C-alpha atoms as a PDB file:
ATOM      1  CA  TYR A   1       1.332 -16.178 -12.982  1.00  0.00           C
ATOM      2  CA  TRP A   2       1.368 -14.184 -16.265  1.00  0.00           C
ATOM      3  CA  ALA A   3      -2.146 -12.813 -15.946  1.00  0.00           C
ATOM      4  CA  ALA A   4      -1.524 -11.545 -12.412  1.00  0.00           C
ATOM      5  CA  CYS A   5       1.761  -9.881 -13.436  1.00  0.00           C
ATOM      6  CA  THR A   6       0.129  -8.262 -16.427  1.00  0.00           C
ATOM      7  CA  ALA A   7      -2.689  -6.917 -14.257  1.00  0.00           C
ATOM      8  CA  TYR A   8      -0.142  -5.368 -11.885  1.00  0.00           C
ATOM      9  CA  LYS A   9       2.000  -3.644 -14.545  1.00  0.00           C
ATOM     10  CA  PRO A  10       0.111  -0.308 -14.513  1.00  0.00           C
ATOM     11  CA  LEU A  11       0.273  -0.221 -10.687  1.00  0.00           C
ATOM     12  CA  VAL A  12       3.990  -1.015 -10.711  1.00  0.00           C
ATOM     13  CA  LYS A  13       4.605   1.742 -13.218  1.00  0.00           C
ATOM     14  CA  GLN A  14       2.704   4.250 -11.101  1.00  0.00           C
ATOM     15  CA  LEU A  15       4.739   3.258  -8.047  1.00  0.00           C
ATOM     16  CA  SER A  16       8.049   3.483  -9.934  1.00  0.00           C
ATOM     17  CA  ILE A  17       7.178   7.065 -11.066  1.00  0.00           C
ATOM     18  CA  ALA A  18       6.008   8.059  -7.548  1.00  0.00           C
ATOM     19  CA  ILE A  19       9.255   6.997  -5.883  1.00  0.00           C
ATOM     20  CA  ASN A  20      11.422   9.115  -8.179  1.00  0.00           C
ATOM     21  CA  ASN A  21      11.274  11.885  -5.633  1.00  0.00           C
ATOM     22  CA  TYR A  22      12.634   9.673  -2.806  1.00  0.00           C
ATOM     23  CA  PRO A  23      15.943   7.919  -2.135  1.00  0.00           C
ATOM     24  CA  ILE A  24      14.688   4.589  -3.456  1.00  0.00           C
ATOM     25  CA  ASN A  25      16.215   2.566  -6.283  1.00  0.00           C
ATOM     26  CA  PHE A  26      13.446   0.785  -8.154  1.00  0.00           C
ATOM     27  CA  ILE A  27      14.554  -2.418  -9.878  1.00  0.00           C
ATOM     28  CA  GLN A  28      12.165  -4.674 -11.727  1.00  0.00           C
ATOM     29  CA  TYR A  29      12.963  -8.256 -12.807  1.00  0.00           C
ATOM     30  CA  GLU A  30      10.970 -10.672 -14.955  1.00  0.00           C
ATOM     31  CA  ILE A  31      11.304 -14.116 -13.476  1.00  0.00           C
ATOM     32  CA  SER A  32      12.017 -15.634 -16.866  1.00  0.00           C
ATOM     33  CA  THR A  33      15.363 -13.770 -17.081  1.00  0.00           C
ATOM     34  CA  ASN A  34      18.722 -14.717 -15.648  1.00  0.00           C
ATOM     35  CA  GLU A  35      18.571 -11.742 -13.275  1.00  0.00           C
ATOM     36  CA  GLY A  36      15.074 -12.803 -12.182  1.00  0.00           C
ATOM     37  CA  ASN A  37      16.246 -16.349 -11.501  1.00  0.00           C
ATOM     38  CA  ASP A  38      19.213 -15.110  -9.528  1.00  0.00           C
ATOM     39  CA  PHE A  39      16.909 -12.955  -7.393  1.00  0.00           C
ATOM     40  CA  ILE A  40      14.538 -15.942  -6.848  1.00  0.00           C
ATOM     41  CA  GLU A  41      17.430 -18.114  -5.709  1.00  0.00           C
ATOM     42  CA  LYS A  42      18.961 -15.444  -3.425  1.00  0.00           C
ATOM     43  CA  TYR A  43      15.683 -14.529  -1.690  1.00  0.00           C
ATOM     44  CA  ASN A  44      13.999 -17.918  -1.917  1.00  0.00           C
ATOM     45  CA  TYR A  45      10.565 -16.932  -3.021  1.00  0.00           C
ATOM     46  CA  LYS A  46       8.019 -18.450  -5.399  1.00  0.00           C
ATOM     47  CA  SER A  47       4.981 -16.142  -5.194  1.00  0.00           C
ATOM     48  CA  VAL A  48       4.420 -14.056  -8.321  1.00  0.00           C
ATOM     49  CA  PRO A  49       3.927 -11.148  -8.394  1.00  0.00           C
ATOM     50  CA  SER A  50       6.091 -10.158  -5.445  1.00  0.00           C
ATOM     51  CA  MET A  51       7.513  -6.832  -4.361  1.00  0.00           C
ATOM     52  CA  PHE A  52      10.440  -6.509  -1.979  1.00  0.00           C
ATOM     53  CA  LEU A  53      11.864  -3.539  -0.090  1.00  0.00           C
ATOM     54  CA  LEU A  54      15.548  -4.125   0.516  1.00  0.00           C
ATOM     55  CA  ASN A  55      18.043  -1.984   2.390  1.00  0.00           C
ATOM     56  CA  ASN A  56      21.326  -0.924   0.839  1.00  0.00           C
ATOM     57  CA  LYS A  57      22.927  -4.188   2.077  1.00  0.00           C
ATOM     58  CA  GLY A  58      20.333  -6.372   0.348  1.00  0.00           C
ATOM     59  CA  THR A  59      18.473  -7.355   3.497  1.00  0.00           C
ATOM     60  CA  ILE A  60      14.746  -7.700   3.135  1.00  0.00           C
ATOM     61  CA  ILE A  61      12.842  -5.002   5.057  1.00  0.00           C
ATOM     62  CA  ASN A  62       9.446  -6.119   3.814  1.00  0.00           C
ATOM     63  CA  ARG A  63       7.812  -8.051   1.045  1.00  0.00           C
ATOM     64  CA  TRP A  64       4.383  -7.999  -0.526  1.00  0.00           C
ATOM     65  CA  ASN A  65       2.375 -10.184  -2.892  1.00  0.00           C
ATOM     66  CA  ARG A  66       0.783  -7.035  -4.203  1.00  0.00           C
ATOM     67  CA  VAL A  67       1.891  -3.532  -5.098  1.00  0.00           C
ATOM     68  CA  PRO A  68       2.355  -1.565  -1.866  1.00  0.00           C
ATOM     69  CA  GLN A  69       1.252   2.015  -1.475  1.00  0.00           C
ATOM     70  CA  LEU A  70       3.908   4.689  -1.487  1.00  0.00           C
ATOM     71  CA  ASN A  71       3.096   5.695   2.131  1.00  0.00           C
ATOM     72  CA  GLU A  72       3.806   2.056   3.199  1.00  0.00           C
ATOM     73  CA  LEU A  73       7.252   2.184   1.678  1.00  0.00           C
ATOM     74  CA  LEU A  74       8.024   5.621   3.162  1.00  0.00           C
ATOM     75  CA  LYS A  75       6.985   4.489   6.689  1.00  0.00           C
ATOM     76  CA  LEU A  76       9.397   1.597   6.480  1.00  0.00           C
ATOM     77  CA  ILE A  77      12.189   3.687   5.064  1.00  0.00           C
ATOM     78  CA  ASN A  78      11.792   6.442   7.685  1.00  0.00           C
ATOM     79  CA  LYS A  79      11.930   4.104  10.691  1.00  0.00           C
END
Protein backbone atom coordinates (compact mmCIF):
# COMPACT_ATOMS: atom_id res chain seq x y z
CA TYR A 1 0.00 0.00 0.00
CA TRP A 2 2.91 2.36 0.62
CA ALA A 3 3.60 3.15 -3.04
CA ALA A 4 -0.03 4.04 -3.69
CA CYS A 5 -0.20 6.30 -0.64
CA THR A 6 3.03 8.03 -1.57
CA ALA A 7 1.74 8.66 -5.09
CA TYR A 8 -1.43 10.23 -3.69
CA LYS A 9 0.29 12.58 -1.22
CA PRO A 10 0.57 15.57 -3.62
CA LEU A 11 -3.10 15.19 -4.59
CA VAL A 12 -4.17 14.97 -0.96
CA LYS A 13 -2.17 18.09 -0.14
CA GLN A 14 -3.81 19.99 -3.01
CA LEU A 15 -7.26 18.93 -1.81
CA SER A 16 -6.51 19.89 1.81
CA ILE A 17 -5.45 23.37 0.65
CA ALA A 18 -8.48 23.75 -1.65
CA ILE A 19 -10.99 22.98 1.12
CA ASN A 20 -9.63 25.67 3.45
CA ASN A 21 -12.25 28.06 2.05
CA TYR A 22 -15.14 25.73 2.93
CA PRO A 23 -16.67 24.43 6.17
CA ILE A 24 -14.78 21.15 5.97
CA ASN A 25 -12.40 19.78 8.58
CA PHE A 26 -9.65 17.83 6.87
CA ILE A 27 -8.11 15.08 9.00
CA GLN A 28 -5.45 12.74 7.72
CA TYR A 29 -4.37 9.50 9.40
CA GLU A 30 -1.54 7.13 8.66
CA ILE A 31 -2.81 3.59 9.13
CA SER A 32 0.30 2.64 11.07
CA THR A 33 -0.63 5.01 13.93
CA ASN A 34 -2.99 4.40 16.85
CA GLU A 35 -5.41 6.98 15.44
CA GLY A 36 -5.30 5.27 12.06
CA ASN A 37 -5.99 1.88 13.62
CA ASP A 38 -8.90 3.32 15.60
CA PHE A 39 -10.37 4.78 12.40
CA ILE A 40 -9.93 1.44 10.58
CA GLU A 41 -11.75 -0.40 13.35
CA LYS A 42 -14.56 2.16 13.63
CA TYR A 43 -15.29 2.32 9.90
CA ASN A 44 -14.29 -1.26 9.02
CA TYR A 45 -12.24 -0.63 5.92
CA LYS A 46 -9.11 -2.19 4.48
CA SER A 47 -8.51 -0.41 1.19
CA VAL A 48 -5.55 1.94 1.14
CA PRO A 49 -5.55 4.73 0.20
CA SER A 50 -9.07 5.64 1.18
CA MET A 51 -10.82 8.96 1.59
CA PHE A 52 -13.99 9.45 3.60
CA LEU A 53 -16.46 12.29 3.82
CA LEU A 54 -18.13 12.23 7.22
CA ASN A 55 -20.84 14.45 8.60
CA ASN A 56 -20.45 16.17 11.97
CA LYS A 57 -21.87 13.09 13.71
CA GLY A 58 -19.27 10.77 12.16
CA THR A 59 -21.63 9.12 9.70
CA ILE A 60 -20.08 8.27 6.33
CA ILE A 61 -21.54 10.39 3.53
CA ASN A 62 -19.24 8.93 0.88
CA ARG A 63 -15.93 7.11 0.52
CA TRP A 64 -13.39 6.84 -2.26
CA ASN A 65 -10.35 4.71 -3.06
CA ARG A 66 -8.88 7.75 -4.77
CA VAL A 67 -8.63 11.46 -4.08
CA PRO A 68 -11.99 13.05 -4.92
CA GLN A 69 -12.30 16.33 -6.77
CA LEU A 70 -13.31 19.36 -4.72
CA ASN A 71 -16.55 19.73 -6.71
CA GLU A 72 -17.52 16.15 -5.74
CA LEU A 73 -17.17 17.02 -2.06
CA LEU A 74 -19.06 20.28 -2.43
CA LYS A 75 -21.99 18.58 -4.21
CA LEU A 76 -22.32 16.11 -1.34
CA ILE A 77 -22.03 18.79 1.32
CA ASN A 78 -24.59 21.09 -0.32
CA LYS A 79 -27.30 18.43 -0.64
